[in-house]
Amino acid sequence: MANLYRLTLQQRHRLPPVSTGVSSGYSTCLSCVSGVSKKSDCRRFKASRRLVVGLGAAFCSQFMTMAGTLGANSLIASARQRGAVEQVLKDVQWPEQFPFKEEDFQRFDESPDSLFYETPRFVTHIDDPAIAALTKYYSEVFPPSNTPGVSILDLCSSWVSHFPPGYKQDRIVGMGMNEEELKRNPVLTEYVVQDLNLNPKLPFEDNSFDVITNVVSVDYLTKPIEVFKEMCQVLKPGGLAIVSFSNRCFWTKAISIWTSTGDADHVMIVGAYFHYAGGYEPPQAVDISPNPGRSDPMYVVYSRKASTA
């Protein structure tokens, strides 16, 4: 009854993200109500969560062992150590077939996403040090500001993209779920409102973008392979796709395989999306967490469109 009440409350007030907490070895959530940070125990959520979609964690552990990594248990235990997750995608022997199952992409709340996102949230979903780390990373890998001919696509965008201050290009497109949020984003030159879980087809010409970004949103995609294939289609040859994430999420809307696993597993999952979508160079991972254990972790999995794709 307590879990049902909490779920109803979260759906009613659209609470900001909570930490998945798995990789830390304990279950602690962080949520914010009216801008006030609170800590609560995720273990109260996990029992009911696993009754509904409880197969994800076991399968991901099996896959990580199949893929020839250090082994799921050691990876999860060491995920907080800087650099550990960067080894997850090194020399992976991927299974021939996409190893995840349909139930891995189920969610606790399967109500229409348009209802969940209809109210704008002018808040940030990671803390300030994590935002600063991502912005710094972008400054190191983005094309210089105002480079002629450069186009960027920010997938699952909102009112802020965390690009470097003053960064500009002739074309920066945001695609997201809430028009009011997209209108407020100062870096965008145009935007598209689209639910990728209903329609993963990207409405752009092939070979259109030099860079595609996706910030703390990959865990909500229920058709990730379709989306990553579309990303590859609209990237220019050699174009860069950057997927960044932390350990925070709207847990009722995140997919089962994500909420049941930890940081190192998440790196493997996103790497698998790139690999099985096809057309990309081997994906790589970077740990840009600014203060391990003291602020939100921040990870990047990136790849480039193969020049022959």
C-alpha atoms as a PDB file:
ATOM      1  CA  MET A   1       0.000   0.000   0.000  1.00  0.00           C
ATOM      2  CA  ALA A   2       2.856   2.385   0.810  1.00  0.00           C
ATOM      3  CA  ASN A   3       4.444   1.760  -2.589  1.00  0.00           C
ATOM      4  CA  LEU A   4       1.132   2.323  -4.360  1.00  0.00           C
ATOM      5  CA  TYR A   5       0.636   5.579  -2.467  1.00  0.00           C
ATOM      6  CA  ARG A   6       4.149   6.774  -3.332  1.00  0.00           C
ATOM      7  CA  LEU A   7       3.675   5.871  -7.015  1.00  0.00           C
ATOM      8  CA  THR A   8       0.356   7.755  -7.114  1.00  0.00           C
ATOM      9  CA  LEU A   9       2.008  10.757  -5.471  1.00  0.00           C
ATOM     10  CA  GLN A  10       4.884  10.709  -7.953  1.00  0.00           C
ATOM     11  CA  GLN A  11       2.542  10.513 -10.920  1.00  0.00           C
ATOM     12  CA  ARG A  12       0.412  13.336  -9.543  1.00  0.00           C
ATOM     13  CA  HIS A  13       3.257  15.741  -8.787  1.00  0.00           C
ATOM     14  CA  ARG A  14       5.717  14.536 -11.441  1.00  0.00           C
ATOM     15  CA  LEU A  15       8.635  14.296  -9.059  1.00  0.00           C
ATOM     16  CA  PRO A  16      12.136  14.925 -10.445  1.00  0.00           C
ATOM     17  CA  PRO A  17      14.507  12.005 -10.940  1.00  0.00           C
ATOM     18  CA  VAL A  18      15.690   9.611  -8.248  1.00  0.00           C
ATOM     19  CA  SER A  19      18.959   7.745  -8.120  1.00  0.00           C
ATOM     20  CA  THR A  20      18.958   4.129  -9.216  1.00  0.00           C
ATOM     21  CA  GLY A  21      21.532   3.556  -6.489  1.00  0.00           C
ATOM     22  CA  VAL A  22      22.499   0.065  -7.629  1.00  0.00           C
ATOM     23  CA  SER A  23      26.177   0.567  -8.301  1.00  0.00           C
ATOM     24  CA  SER A  24      26.848   2.024  -4.875  1.00  0.00           C
ATOM     25  CA  GLY A  25      25.991  -1.205  -3.108  1.00  0.00           C
ATOM     26  CA  TYR A  26      23.064   0.340  -1.275  1.00  0.00           C
ATOM     27  CA  SER A  27      19.742   1.816  -2.300  1.00  0.00           C
ATOM     28  CA  THR A  28      19.464   5.535  -1.691  1.00  0.00           C
ATOM     29  CA  CYS A  29      17.217   7.834  -3.707  1.00  0.00           C
ATOM     30  CA  LEU A  30      17.585  11.555  -4.170  1.00  0.00           C
ATOM     31  CA  SER A  31      14.468  13.451  -5.124  1.00  0.00           C
ATOM     32  CA  CYS A  32      13.492  17.082  -5.135  1.00  0.00           C
ATOM     33  CA  VAL A  33      10.109  18.535  -4.301  1.00  0.00           C
ATOM     34  CA  SER A  34       9.680  22.258  -4.953  1.00  0.00           C
ATOM     35  CA  GLY A  35      13.437  22.613  -5.160  1.00  0.00           C
ATOM     36  CA  VAL A  36      14.130  21.022  -1.761  1.00  0.00           C
ATOM     37  CA  SER A  37      16.405  18.003  -1.856  1.00  0.00           C
ATOM     38  CA  LYS A  38      15.344  14.913   0.088  1.00  0.00           C
ATOM     39  CA  LYS A  39      16.865  11.494   0.656  1.00  0.00           C
ATOM     40  CA  SER A  40      14.759   8.345   0.819  1.00  0.00           C
ATOM     41  CA  ASP A  41      15.316   4.607   0.601  1.00  0.00           C
ATOM     42  CA  CYS A  42      14.975   3.033  -2.864  1.00  0.00           C
ATOM     43  CA  ARG A  43      14.566  -0.423  -1.357  1.00  0.00           C
ATOM     44  CA  ARG A  44      10.939   0.452  -0.737  1.00  0.00           C
ATOM     45  CA  PHE A  45      10.541   0.783  -4.509  1.00  0.00           C
ATOM     46  CA  LYS A  46      12.543  -2.227  -5.627  1.00  0.00           C
ATOM     47  CA  ALA A  47      10.358  -5.040  -4.287  1.00  0.00           C
ATOM     48  CA  SER A  48       7.288  -3.986  -6.235  1.00  0.00           C
ATOM     49  CA  ARG A  49       9.429  -3.041  -9.227  1.00  0.00           C
ATOM     50  CA  ARG A  50      10.947  -6.498  -9.499  1.00  0.00           C
ATOM     51  CA  LEU A  51       7.568  -8.210  -9.203  1.00  0.00           C
ATOM     52  CA  VAL A  52       6.539  -6.441 -12.397  1.00  0.00           C
ATOM     53  CA  VAL A  53       9.724  -6.446 -14.489  1.00  0.00           C
ATOM     54  CA  GLY A  54      12.284  -8.319 -12.475  1.00  0.00           C
ATOM     55  CA  LEU A  55      14.297 -10.131 -15.156  1.00  0.00           C
ATOM     56  CA  GLY A  56      16.465  -7.269 -16.365  1.00  0.00           C
ATOM     57  CA  ALA A  57      19.273  -7.365 -13.804  1.00  0.00           C
ATOM     58  CA  ALA A  58      19.872 -11.099 -14.054  1.00  0.00           C
ATOM     59  CA  PHE A  59      19.979 -10.991 -17.823  1.00  0.00           C
ATOM     60  CA  CYS A  60      22.311  -7.998 -17.934  1.00  0.00           C
ATOM     61  CA  SER A  61      24.736  -9.771 -15.617  1.00  0.00           C
ATOM     62  CA  GLN A  62      24.628 -12.805 -17.910  1.00  0.00           C
ATOM     63  CA  PHE A  63      25.229 -10.612 -20.956  1.00  0.00           C
ATOM     64  CA  MET A  64      28.197  -8.843 -19.415  1.00  0.00           C
ATOM     65  CA  THR A  65      29.789 -12.208 -18.726  1.00  0.00           C
ATOM     66  CA  MET A  66      28.993 -13.335 -22.297  1.00  0.00           C
ATOM     67  CA  ALA A  67      30.527 -10.144 -23.655  1.00  0.00           C
ATOM     68  CA  GLY A  68      33.909 -10.919 -22.170  1.00  0.00           C
ATOM     69  CA  THR A  69      34.154  -8.066 -19.650  1.00  0.00           C
ATOM     70  CA  LEU A  70      35.675  -8.224 -16.204  1.00  0.00           C
ATOM     71  CA  GLY A  71      32.498  -9.904 -14.994  1.00  0.00           C
ATOM     72  CA  ALA A  72      29.304  -8.225 -13.813  1.00  0.00           C
ATOM     73  CA  ASN A  73      29.912  -8.567 -10.085  1.00  0.00           C
ATOM     74  CA  SER A  74      33.378  -7.040 -10.156  1.00  0.00           C
ATOM     75  CA  LEU A  75      32.245  -4.277 -12.515  1.00  0.00           C
ATOM     76  CA  ILE A  76      29.317  -3.291 -10.350  1.00  0.00           C
ATOM     77  CA  ALA A  77      31.475  -3.347  -7.233  1.00  0.00           C
ATOM     78  CA  SER A  78      34.093  -1.134  -8.861  1.00  0.00           C
ATOM     79  CA  ALA A  79      31.834   1.221 -10.790  1.00  0.00           C
ATOM     80  CA  ARG A  80      32.494   4.053  -8.363  1.00  0.00           C
ATOM     81  CA  GLN A  81      36.227   3.935  -9.040  1.00  0.00           C
ATOM     82  CA  ARG A  82      37.295   6.509 -11.621  1.00  0.00           C
ATOM     83  CA  GLY A  83      38.221   4.821 -14.873  1.00  0.00           C
ATOM     84  CA  ALA A  84      36.610   1.473 -14.084  1.00  0.00           C
ATOM     85  CA  VAL A  85      33.636   1.963 -16.378  1.00  0.00           C
ATOM     86  CA  GLU A  86      35.934   3.121 -19.172  1.00  0.00           C
ATOM     87  CA  GLN A  87      37.177  -0.469 -19.463  1.00  0.00           C
ATOM     88  CA  VAL A  88      33.718  -1.967 -19.947  1.00  0.00           C
ATOM     89  CA  LEU A  89      33.669  -1.451 -23.720  1.00  0.00           C
ATOM     90  CA  LYS A  90      37.285  -2.439 -24.349  1.00  0.00           C
ATOM     91  CA  ASP A  91      37.631  -5.436 -26.685  1.00  0.00           C
ATOM     92  CA  VAL A  92      34.050  -6.636 -26.209  1.00  0.00           C
ATOM     93  CA  GLN A  93      33.134  -9.899 -27.931  1.00  0.00           C
ATOM     94  CA  TRP A  94      29.534  -9.086 -28.737  1.00  0.00           C
ATOM     95  CA  PRO A  95      27.009 -11.930 -29.116  1.00  0.00           C
ATOM     96  CA  GLU A  96      25.865 -12.385 -32.693  1.00  0.00           C
ATOM     97  CA  GLN A  97      22.260 -11.506 -31.909  1.00  0.00           C
ATOM     98  CA  PHE A  98      20.889  -8.590 -29.881  1.00  0.00           C
ATOM     99  CA  PRO A  99      20.742 -10.170 -26.426  1.00  0.00           C
ATOM    100  CA  PHE A 100      18.002  -8.178 -24.713  1.00  0.00           C
ATOM    101  CA  LYS A 101      14.374  -9.231 -24.496  1.00  0.00           C
ATOM    102  CA  GLU A 102      11.122  -7.357 -24.907  1.00  0.00           C
ATOM    103  CA  GLU A 103      10.481  -7.318 -21.168  1.00  0.00           C
ATOM    104  CA  ASP A 104      13.799  -5.527 -20.597  1.00  0.00           C
ATOM    105  CA  PHE A 105      12.227  -2.456 -22.180  1.00  0.00           C
ATOM    106  CA  GLN A 106       9.030  -2.499 -20.147  1.00  0.00           C
ATOM    107  CA  ARG A 107       8.419   0.198 -17.558  1.00  0.00           C
ATOM    108  CA  PHE A 108       6.603   0.381 -14.261  1.00  0.00           C
ATOM    109  CA  ASP A 109       4.400   3.149 -15.655  1.00  0.00           C
ATOM    110  CA  GLU A 110       3.252   2.322 -19.182  1.00  0.00           C
ATOM    111  CA  SER A 111       0.791   5.210 -19.404  1.00  0.00           C
ATOM    112  CA  PRO A 112       1.293   7.566 -22.386  1.00  0.00           C
ATOM    113  CA  ASP A 113       4.523   9.533 -22.106  1.00  0.00           C
ATOM    114  CA  SER A 114       2.702  12.584 -23.420  1.00  0.00           C
ATOM    115  CA  LEU A 115       0.760  12.699 -20.159  1.00  0.00           C
ATOM    116  CA  PHE A 116       3.879  12.378 -18.033  1.00  0.00           C
ATOM    117  CA  TYR A 117       5.680  15.187 -19.866  1.00  0.00           C
ATOM    118  CA  GLU A 118       2.737  17.510 -20.529  1.00  0.00           C
ATOM    119  CA  THR A 119       3.683  19.784 -17.620  1.00  0.00           C
ATOM    120  CA  PRO A 120       6.943  21.662 -18.222  1.00  0.00           C
ATOM    121  CA  ARG A 121       9.734  21.132 -15.682  1.00  0.00           C
ATOM    122  CA  PHE A 122      12.166  24.005 -15.588  1.00  0.00           C
ATOM    123  CA  VAL A 123      14.583  22.106 -13.376  1.00  0.00           C
ATOM    124  CA  THR A 124      17.869  20.295 -13.931  1.00  0.00           C
ATOM    125  CA  HIS A 125      18.069  16.539 -13.432  1.00  0.00           C
ATOM    126  CA  ILE A 126      21.712  16.273 -12.397  1.00  0.00           C
ATOM    127  CA  ASP A 127      23.583  18.393  -9.867  1.00  0.00           C
ATOM    128  CA  ASP A 128      25.741  21.411 -10.685  1.00  0.00           C
ATOM    129  CA  PRO A 129      29.133  19.618 -10.615  1.00  0.00           C
ATOM    130  CA  ALA A 130      27.840  16.959 -13.045  1.00  0.00           C
ATOM    131  CA  ILE A 131      26.447  19.674 -15.328  1.00  0.00           C
ATOM    132  CA  ALA A 132      29.776  21.501 -15.255  1.00  0.00           C
ATOM    133  CA  ALA A 133      31.626  18.274 -16.108  1.00  0.00           C
ATOM    134  CA  LEU A 134      29.364  17.616 -19.096  1.00  0.00           C
ATOM    135  CA  THR A 135      29.681  21.200 -20.333  1.00  0.00           C
ATOM    136  CA  LYS A 136      33.468  20.961 -20.076  1.00  0.00           C
ATOM    137  CA  TYR A 137      33.421  17.682 -22.018  1.00  0.00           C
ATOM    138  CA  TYR A 138      31.309  19.273 -24.758  1.00  0.00           C
ATOM    139  CA  SER A 139      33.792  22.162 -24.975  1.00  0.00           C
ATOM    140  CA  GLU A 140      36.547  19.653 -25.678  1.00  0.00           C
ATOM    141  CA  VAL A 141      34.794  17.582 -28.360  1.00  0.00           C
ATOM    142  CA  PHE A 142      32.358  19.951 -30.114  1.00  0.00           C
ATOM    143  CA  PRO A 143      33.290  21.744 -33.322  1.00  0.00           C
ATOM    144  CA  PRO A 144      34.324  25.337 -32.553  1.00  0.00           C
ATOM    145  CA  SER A 145      31.462  27.776 -32.123  1.00  0.00           C
ATOM    146  CA  ASN A 146      30.194  29.389 -35.333  1.00  0.00           C
ATOM    147  CA  THR A 147      31.852  26.867 -37.633  1.00  0.00           C
ATOM    148  CA  PRO A 148      30.285  27.226 -41.105  1.00  0.00           C
ATOM    149  CA  GLY A 149      28.096  24.304 -42.122  1.00  0.00           C
ATOM    150  CA  VAL A 150      27.969  22.607 -38.698  1.00  0.00           C
ATOM    151  CA  SER A 151      24.612  21.219 -37.519  1.00  0.00           C
ATOM    152  CA  ILE A 152      23.856  19.668 -34.131  1.00  0.00           C
ATOM    153  CA  LEU A 153      20.852  17.631 -32.961  1.00  0.00           C
ATOM    154  CA  ASP A 154      19.996  17.484 -29.249  1.00  0.00           C
ATOM    155  CA  LEU A 155      17.730  14.452 -28.783  1.00  0.00           C
ATOM    156  CA  CYS A 156      15.318  14.325 -25.832  1.00  0.00           C
ATOM    157  CA  SER A 157      16.038  18.010 -25.342  1.00  0.00           C
ATOM    158  CA  SER A 158      14.409  20.400 -22.892  1.00  0.00           C
ATOM    159  CA  TRP A 159      14.880  23.984 -21.690  1.00  0.00           C
ATOM    160  CA  VAL A 160      18.651  23.583 -21.301  1.00  0.00           C
ATOM    161  CA  SER A 161      21.197  21.544 -23.277  1.00  0.00           C
ATOM    162  CA  HIS A 162      24.313  22.122 -21.112  1.00  0.00           C
ATOM    163  CA  PHE A 163      26.320  23.345 -24.115  1.00  0.00           C
ATOM    164  CA  PRO A 164      29.285  25.660 -23.412  1.00  0.00           C
ATOM    165  CA  PRO A 165      28.294  29.276 -22.601  1.00  0.00           C
ATOM    166  CA  GLY A 166      27.739  31.311 -25.742  1.00  0.00           C
ATOM    167  CA  TYR A 167      28.079  28.271 -28.004  1.00  0.00           C
ATOM    168  CA  LYS A 168      26.437  28.835 -31.392  1.00  0.00           C
ATOM    169  CA  GLN A 169      26.065  27.137 -34.743  1.00  0.00           C
ATOM    170  CA  ASP A 170      23.886  28.019 -37.705  1.00  0.00           C
ATOM    171  CA  ARG A 171      21.693  25.019 -36.928  1.00  0.00           C
ATOM    172  CA  ILE A 172      21.090  23.476 -33.513  1.00  0.00           C
ATOM    173  CA  VAL A 173      17.904  21.401 -33.433  1.00  0.00           C
ATOM    174  CA  GLY A 174      16.216  20.222 -30.261  1.00  0.00           C
ATOM    175  CA  MET A 175      13.815  17.301 -30.219  1.00  0.00           C
ATOM    176  CA  GLY A 176      11.816  16.771 -27.055  1.00  0.00           C
ATOM    177  CA  MET A 177       8.444  16.094 -25.485  1.00  0.00           C
ATOM    178  CA  ASN A 178       7.445  19.493 -24.089  1.00  0.00           C
ATOM    179  CA  GLU A 179       7.133  22.529 -26.355  1.00  0.00           C
ATOM    180  CA  GLU A 180       7.273  25.068 -23.533  1.00  0.00           C
ATOM    181  CA  GLU A 181      10.606  23.680 -22.397  1.00  0.00           C
ATOM    182  CA  LEU A 182      12.012  23.673 -25.934  1.00  0.00           C
ATOM    183  CA  LYS A 183      10.909  27.273 -26.512  1.00  0.00           C
ATOM    184  CA  ARG A 184      12.936  28.339 -23.471  1.00  0.00           C
ATOM    185  CA  ASN A 185      16.159  26.683 -24.637  1.00  0.00           C
ATOM    186  CA  PRO A 186      18.414  29.573 -25.749  1.00  0.00           C
ATOM    187  CA  VAL A 187      20.885  27.452 -27.738  1.00  0.00           C
ATOM    188  CA  LEU A 188      18.321  25.996 -30.144  1.00  0.00           C
ATOM    189  CA  THR A 189      17.720  27.497 -33.576  1.00  0.00           C
ATOM    190  CA  GLU A 190      14.729  25.205 -34.133  1.00  0.00           C
ATOM    191  CA  TYR A 191      12.875  22.428 -32.357  1.00  0.00           C
ATOM    192  CA  VAL A 192      10.625  19.428 -32.980  1.00  0.00           C
ATOM    193  CA  VAL A 193       8.123  17.960 -30.513  1.00  0.00           C
ATOM    194  CA  GLN A 194       8.091  14.176 -30.915  1.00  0.00           C
ATOM    195  CA  ASP A 195       7.674  11.074 -28.753  1.00  0.00           C
ATOM    196  CA  LEU A 196      10.464   8.731 -29.837  1.00  0.00           C
ATOM    197  CA  ASN A 197       8.817   5.823 -28.039  1.00  0.00           C
ATOM    198  CA  LEU A 198       5.810   6.169 -30.340  1.00  0.00           C
ATOM    199  CA  ASN A 199       7.652   7.269 -33.457  1.00  0.00           C
ATOM    200  CA  PRO A 200      11.422   6.680 -33.540  1.00  0.00           C
ATOM    201  CA  LYS A 201      11.696   7.963 -37.127  1.00  0.00           C
ATOM    202  CA  LEU A 202      13.742  11.180 -37.182  1.00  0.00           C
ATOM    203  CA  PRO A 203      12.240  13.792 -39.552  1.00  0.00           C
ATOM    204  CA  PHE A 204      15.534  14.945 -41.050  1.00  0.00           C
ATOM    205  CA  GLU A 205      17.466  14.401 -44.249  1.00  0.00           C
ATOM    206  CA  ASP A 206      20.169  11.739 -44.307  1.00  0.00           C
ATOM    207  CA  ASN A 207      23.680  12.950 -43.466  1.00  0.00           C
ATOM    208  CA  SER A 208      22.413  16.168 -41.882  1.00  0.00           C
ATOM    209  CA  PHE A 209      24.198  16.474 -38.520  1.00  0.00           C
ATOM    210  CA  ASP A 210      27.797  16.679 -37.367  1.00  0.00           C
ATOM    211  CA  VAL A 211      26.944  15.931 -33.729  1.00  0.00           C
ATOM    212  CA  ILE A 212      24.024  14.305 -31.923  1.00  0.00           C
ATOM    213  CA  THR A 213      23.701  14.643 -28.149  1.00  0.00           C
ATOM    214  CA  ASN A 214      21.435  12.871 -25.679  1.00  0.00           C
ATOM    215  CA  VAL A 215      21.609  13.853 -22.008  1.00  0.00           C
ATOM    216  CA  VAL A 216      20.271  11.683 -19.140  1.00  0.00           C
ATOM    217  CA  SER A 217      17.459  10.356 -21.340  1.00  0.00           C
ATOM    218  CA  VAL A 218      18.672   7.150 -22.987  1.00  0.00           C
ATOM    219  CA  ASP A 219      17.178   5.160 -20.095  1.00  0.00           C
ATOM    220  CA  TYR A 220      13.653   6.133 -21.195  1.00  0.00           C
ATOM    221  CA  LEU A 221      13.901   4.798 -24.757  1.00  0.00           C
ATOM    222  CA  THR A 222      11.749   1.724 -25.318  1.00  0.00           C
ATOM    223  CA  LYS A 223      12.851   1.325 -28.957  1.00  0.00           C
ATOM    224  CA  PRO A 224      16.545   2.156 -28.611  1.00  0.00           C
ATOM    225  CA  ILE A 225      17.819   0.187 -31.599  1.00  0.00           C
ATOM    226  CA  GLU A 226      15.387   1.956 -33.922  1.00  0.00           C
ATOM    227  CA  VAL A 227      16.412   5.327 -32.485  1.00  0.00           C
ATOM    228  CA  PHE A 228      20.145   4.593 -32.769  1.00  0.00           C
ATOM    229  CA  LYS A 229      19.670   3.440 -36.360  1.00  0.00           C
ATOM    230  CA  GLU A 230      17.906   6.717 -37.110  1.00  0.00           C
ATOM    231  CA  MET A 231      20.698   8.644 -35.419  1.00  0.00           C
ATOM    232  CA  CYS A 232      23.209   6.941 -37.680  1.00  0.00           C
ATOM    233  CA  GLN A 233      21.084   7.712 -40.726  1.00  0.00           C
ATOM    234  CA  VAL A 234      20.964  11.464 -40.072  1.00  0.00           C
ATOM    235  CA  LEU A 235      24.598  11.788 -38.939  1.00  0.00           C
ATOM    236  CA  LYS A 236      27.150  12.859 -41.510  1.00  0.00           C
ATOM    237  CA  PRO A 237      29.893  10.289 -42.193  1.00  0.00           C
ATOM    238  CA  GLY A 238      32.309  10.618 -39.301  1.00  0.00           C
ATOM    239  CA  GLY A 239      29.659  12.460 -37.277  1.00  0.00           C
ATOM    240  CA  LEU A 240      29.770  12.129 -33.497  1.00  0.00           C
ATOM    241  CA  ALA A 241      26.993  10.705 -31.280  1.00  0.00           C
ATOM    242  CA  ILE A 242      27.347  11.497 -27.557  1.00  0.00           C
ATOM    243  CA  VAL A 243      25.106   9.754 -25.030  1.00  0.00           C
ATOM    244  CA  SER A 244      25.563  10.915 -21.434  1.00  0.00           C
ATOM    245  CA  PHE A 245      23.893   9.643 -18.285  1.00  0.00           C
ATOM    246  CA  SER A 246      24.088   9.566 -14.518  1.00  0.00           C
ATOM    247  CA  ASN A 247      22.435   7.319 -11.950  1.00  0.00           C
ATOM    248  CA  ARG A 248      19.325   9.483 -11.594  1.00  0.00           C
ATOM    249  CA  CYS A 249      16.029   8.918 -13.363  1.00  0.00           C
ATOM    250  CA  PHE A 250      12.261   9.041 -13.221  1.00  0.00           C
ATOM    251  CA  TRP A 251      12.269   5.413 -12.155  1.00  0.00           C
ATOM    252  CA  THR A 252       8.644   4.730 -13.119  1.00  0.00           C
ATOM    253  CA  LYS A 253       9.408   5.720 -16.718  1.00  0.00           C
ATOM    254  CA  ALA A 254      12.881   4.201 -17.078  1.00  0.00           C
ATOM    255  CA  ILE A 255      13.142   0.794 -18.717  1.00  0.00           C
ATOM    256  CA  SER A 256      13.447  -2.350 -16.611  1.00  0.00           C
ATOM    257  CA  ILE A 257      16.981  -3.260 -17.647  1.00  0.00           C
ATOM    258  CA  TRP A 258      18.165   0.182 -16.519  1.00  0.00           C
ATOM    259  CA  THR A 259      16.509   0.402 -13.116  1.00  0.00           C
ATOM    260  CA  SER A 260      17.596  -3.141 -12.256  1.00  0.00           C
ATOM    261  CA  THR A 261      21.287  -2.596 -12.963  1.00  0.00           C
ATOM    262  CA  GLY A 262      24.195  -0.311 -12.101  1.00  0.00           C
ATOM    263  CA  ASP A 263      26.547   2.183 -13.706  1.00  0.00           C
ATOM    264  CA  ALA A 264      28.926  -0.264 -15.392  1.00  0.00           C
ATOM    265  CA  ASP A 265      25.974  -2.208 -16.781  1.00  0.00           C
ATOM    266  CA  HIS A 266      24.513   1.022 -18.155  1.00  0.00           C
ATOM    267  CA  VAL A 267      27.710   1.648 -20.087  1.00  0.00           C
ATOM    268  CA  MET A 268      27.449  -1.841 -21.576  1.00  0.00           C
ATOM    269  CA  ILE A 269      23.780  -1.347 -22.425  1.00  0.00           C
ATOM    270  CA  VAL A 270      24.385   1.909 -24.315  1.00  0.00           C
ATOM    271  CA  GLY A 271      27.416   0.395 -26.019  1.00  0.00           C
ATOM    272  CA  ALA A 272      25.182  -2.460 -27.159  1.00  0.00           C
ATOM    273  CA  TYR A 273      22.739   0.011 -28.698  1.00  0.00           C
ATOM    274  CA  PHE A 274      25.513   1.479 -30.840  1.00  0.00           C
ATOM    275  CA  HIS A 275      26.862  -1.932 -31.799  1.00  0.00           C
ATOM    276  CA  TYR A 276      23.594  -3.601 -32.758  1.00  0.00           C
ATOM    277  CA  ALA A 277      22.189  -0.545 -34.547  1.00  0.00           C
ATOM    278  CA  GLY A 278      25.047  -0.886 -37.020  1.00  0.00           C
ATOM    279  CA  GLY A 279      26.889   1.748 -38.989  1.00  0.00           C
ATOM    280  CA  TYR A 280      28.990   3.047 -36.094  1.00  0.00           C
ATOM    281  CA  GLU A 281      32.616   2.710 -35.108  1.00  0.00           C
ATOM    282  CA  PRO A 282      33.158   0.665 -31.903  1.00  0.00           C
ATOM    283  CA  PRO A 283      31.658   2.656 -29.015  1.00  0.00           C
ATOM    284  CA  GLN A 284      33.832   4.017 -26.243  1.00  0.00           C
ATOM    285  CA  ALA A 285      33.115   5.094 -22.666  1.00  0.00           C
ATOM    286  CA  VAL A 286      34.401   8.016 -20.613  1.00  0.00           C
ATOM    287  CA  ASP A 287      33.899   8.620 -16.901  1.00  0.00           C
ATOM    288  CA  ILE A 288      33.597  12.379 -16.439  1.00  0.00           C
ATOM    289  CA  SER A 289      32.282  12.184 -12.853  1.00  0.00           C
ATOM    290  CA  PRO A 290      33.609  15.329 -11.168  1.00  0.00           C
ATOM    291  CA  ASN A 291      33.638  14.201  -7.525  1.00  0.00           C
ATOM    292  CA  PRO A 292      33.178  10.423  -7.211  1.00  0.00           C
ATOM    293  CA  GLY A 293      31.087   9.633  -4.152  1.00  0.00           C
ATOM    294  CA  ARG A 294      30.372  13.304  -3.396  1.00  0.00           C
ATOM    295  CA  SER A 295      28.232  14.413  -6.344  1.00  0.00           C
ATOM    296  CA  ASP A 296      26.256  12.870  -9.165  1.00  0.00           C
ATOM    297  CA  PRO A 297      28.315  10.523 -11.327  1.00  0.00           C
ATOM    298  CA  MET A 298      28.463  11.338 -15.039  1.00  0.00           C
ATOM    299  CA  TYR A 299      29.297   8.955 -17.860  1.00  0.00           C
ATOM    300  CA  VAL A 300      29.561   9.306 -21.628  1.00  0.00           C
ATOM    301  CA  VAL A 301      29.296   6.580 -24.249  1.00  0.00           C
ATOM    302  CA  TYR A 302      30.135   7.877 -27.701  1.00  0.00           C
ATOM    303  CA  SER A 303      30.730   6.687 -31.228  1.00  0.00           C
ATOM    304  CA  ARG A 304      31.173   8.045 -34.713  1.00  0.00           C
ATOM    305  CA  LYS A 305      29.272   7.115 -37.823  1.00  0.00           C
ATOM    306  CA  ALA A 306      31.507   4.902 -39.915  1.00  0.00           C
ATOM    307  CA  SER A 307      32.722   6.637 -43.035  1.00  0.00           C
ATOM    308  CA  THR A 308      31.392   3.744 -45.130  1.00  0.00           C
ATOM    309  CA  ALA A 309      27.949   3.623 -43.455  1.00  0.00           C
END
